[in-house]
Amino acid sequence: MPFTLRALEDEVKAKMGVVEPEKHNLLRPYQVLYEVAGEMVAQFKTTVLVMPNGLLKIAGLPLDMNLIDTDAKLQPAKKEAPVSVAANNATPPVAEPVAAK
């Protein structure tokens, strides 16, 4: 969910507090968008779940891409390793948990 650092109680501490989560891709900056004067701009957003058999759209308005006239083209995304594969290659913890007595 987008939020602004200005809305938090201490903006300086908030800026320091988002550095680590941003480094680990837990938070992403939400860039301010602007358009050139006289240009038409439309922005569409949706929420999807990444499922084993593909993407499942769970929110957002329907969009008929045949109605869109643009000179911009989407490039295929680089495929990432599945989460289960990445988890199997994870580094072991530095210390083992202490057994309860």
Protein backbone atom coordinates (compact mmCIF):
# COMPACT_ATOMS: atom_id res chain seq x y z
CA MET A 1 0.00 0.00 0.00
CA PRO A 2 1.45 3.38 -0.90
CA PHE A 3 2.18 5.84 1.88
CA THR A 4 4.08 9.09 2.19
CA LEU A 5 6.94 9.60 4.61
CA ARG A 6 5.62 13.11 5.28
CA ALA A 7 2.56 11.58 6.96
CA LEU A 8 4.67 9.79 9.58
CA GLU A 9 5.40 11.34 12.96
CA ASP A 10 9.16 11.88 12.43
CA GLU A 11 10.04 12.15 8.74
CA VAL A 12 13.81 12.00 9.37
CA LYS A 13 13.54 8.73 11.32
CA ALA A 14 11.09 7.37 8.76
CA LYS A 15 13.60 8.03 5.96
CA MET A 16 16.28 6.17 7.92
CA GLY A 17 13.86 3.32 8.69
CA VAL A 18 13.01 2.55 5.07
CA VAL A 19 16.62 2.16 3.84
CA GLU A 20 17.06 -1.52 4.79
CA PRO A 21 13.60 -2.72 3.67
CA GLU A 22 14.15 -0.91 0.36
CA LYS A 23 17.58 -2.58 -0.11
CA HIS A 24 15.93 -6.00 0.32
CA ASN A 25 13.01 -5.16 -2.02
CA LEU A 26 10.49 -5.25 0.82
CA LEU A 27 9.53 -1.66 0.01
CA ARG A 28 9.69 0.03 -3.36
CA PRO A 29 9.70 3.76 -3.94
CA TYR A 30 6.51 4.98 -5.54
CA GLN A 31 7.71 7.47 -8.14
CA VAL A 32 5.86 10.72 -8.68
CA LEU A 33 4.46 10.70 -12.20
CA TYR A 34 3.95 13.73 -14.38
CA GLU A 35 2.99 14.36 -17.98
CA VAL A 36 4.03 16.82 -20.63
CA ALA A 37 1.59 19.69 -21.12
CA GLY A 38 -0.90 18.89 -23.86
CA GLU A 39 -0.24 15.12 -23.84
CA MET A 40 -2.90 12.50 -23.10
CA VAL A 41 -1.94 10.11 -20.29
CA ALA A 42 -3.74 7.09 -18.86
CA GLN A 43 -2.55 4.81 -16.10
CA PHE A 44 -4.01 1.40 -15.29
CA LYS A 45 -3.09 -0.71 -12.28
CA THR A 46 -4.09 -4.19 -11.22
CA THR A 47 -3.27 -6.73 -8.53
CA VAL A 48 -2.23 -10.23 -9.51
CA LEU A 49 -1.32 -13.42 -7.70
CA VAL A 50 1.62 -15.41 -9.04
CA MET A 51 0.25 -18.95 -9.30
CA PRO A 52 2.06 -22.13 -10.43
CA ASN A 53 0.16 -22.09 -13.73
CA GLY A 54 0.45 -18.33 -14.39
CA LEU A 55 -0.90 -15.00 -13.18
CA LEU A 56 -4.34 -14.63 -11.62
CA LYS A 57 -5.83 -11.11 -11.74
CA ILE A 58 -7.67 -10.40 -8.48
CA ALA A 59 -8.30 -6.63 -8.71
CA GLY A 60 -8.47 -3.91 -11.31
CA LEU A 61 -10.74 -2.79 -14.08
CA PRO A 62 -11.04 -4.75 -17.33
CA LEU A 63 -8.87 -3.35 -20.13
CA ASP A 64 -9.30 -4.15 -23.81
CA MET A 65 -5.79 -3.71 -25.24
CA ASN A 66 -7.27 -3.61 -28.77
CA LEU A 67 -8.64 -0.15 -27.95
CA ILE A 68 -5.19 1.19 -27.05
CA ASP A 69 -3.14 2.97 -29.73
CA THR A 70 0.45 3.48 -28.60
CA ASP A 71 3.96 3.41 -29.98
CA ALA A 72 5.31 1.93 -26.71
CA LYS A 73 5.77 -1.84 -26.52
CA LEU A 74 6.11 -4.09 -23.49
CA GLN A 75 9.29 -6.14 -23.30
CA PRO A 76 9.13 -9.71 -21.96
CA ALA A 77 10.28 -9.87 -18.35
CA LYS A 78 13.29 -11.91 -17.31
CA LYS A 79 12.12 -15.13 -15.64
CA GLU A 80 13.07 -15.40 -12.00
CA ALA A 81 13.78 -18.66 -10.18
CA PRO A 82 10.68 -20.03 -8.42
CA VAL A 83 10.50 -19.26 -4.71
CA SER A 84 10.78 -22.95 -3.78
CA VAL A 85 14.09 -23.25 -5.68
CA ALA A 86 15.44 -20.09 -4.10
CA ALA A 87 14.45 -21.36 -0.61
CA ASN A 88 16.33 -24.64 -1.15
CA ASN A 89 19.50 -22.69 -1.97
CA ALA A 90 19.19 -20.39 1.05
CA THR A 91 22.21 -20.04 3.30
CA PRO A 92 21.91 -21.78 6.67
CA PRO A 93 21.38 -19.63 9.76
CA VAL A 94 24.49 -18.29 11.49
CA ALA A 95 23.47 -19.73 14.88
CA GLU A 96 21.24 -22.64 15.77
CA PRO A 97 18.26 -21.90 18.05
CA VAL A 98 18.72 -22.85 21.71
CA ALA A 99 16.65 -25.91 22.69
CA ALA A 100 13.93 -25.28 25.27
CA LYS A 101 14.46 -26.96 28.67
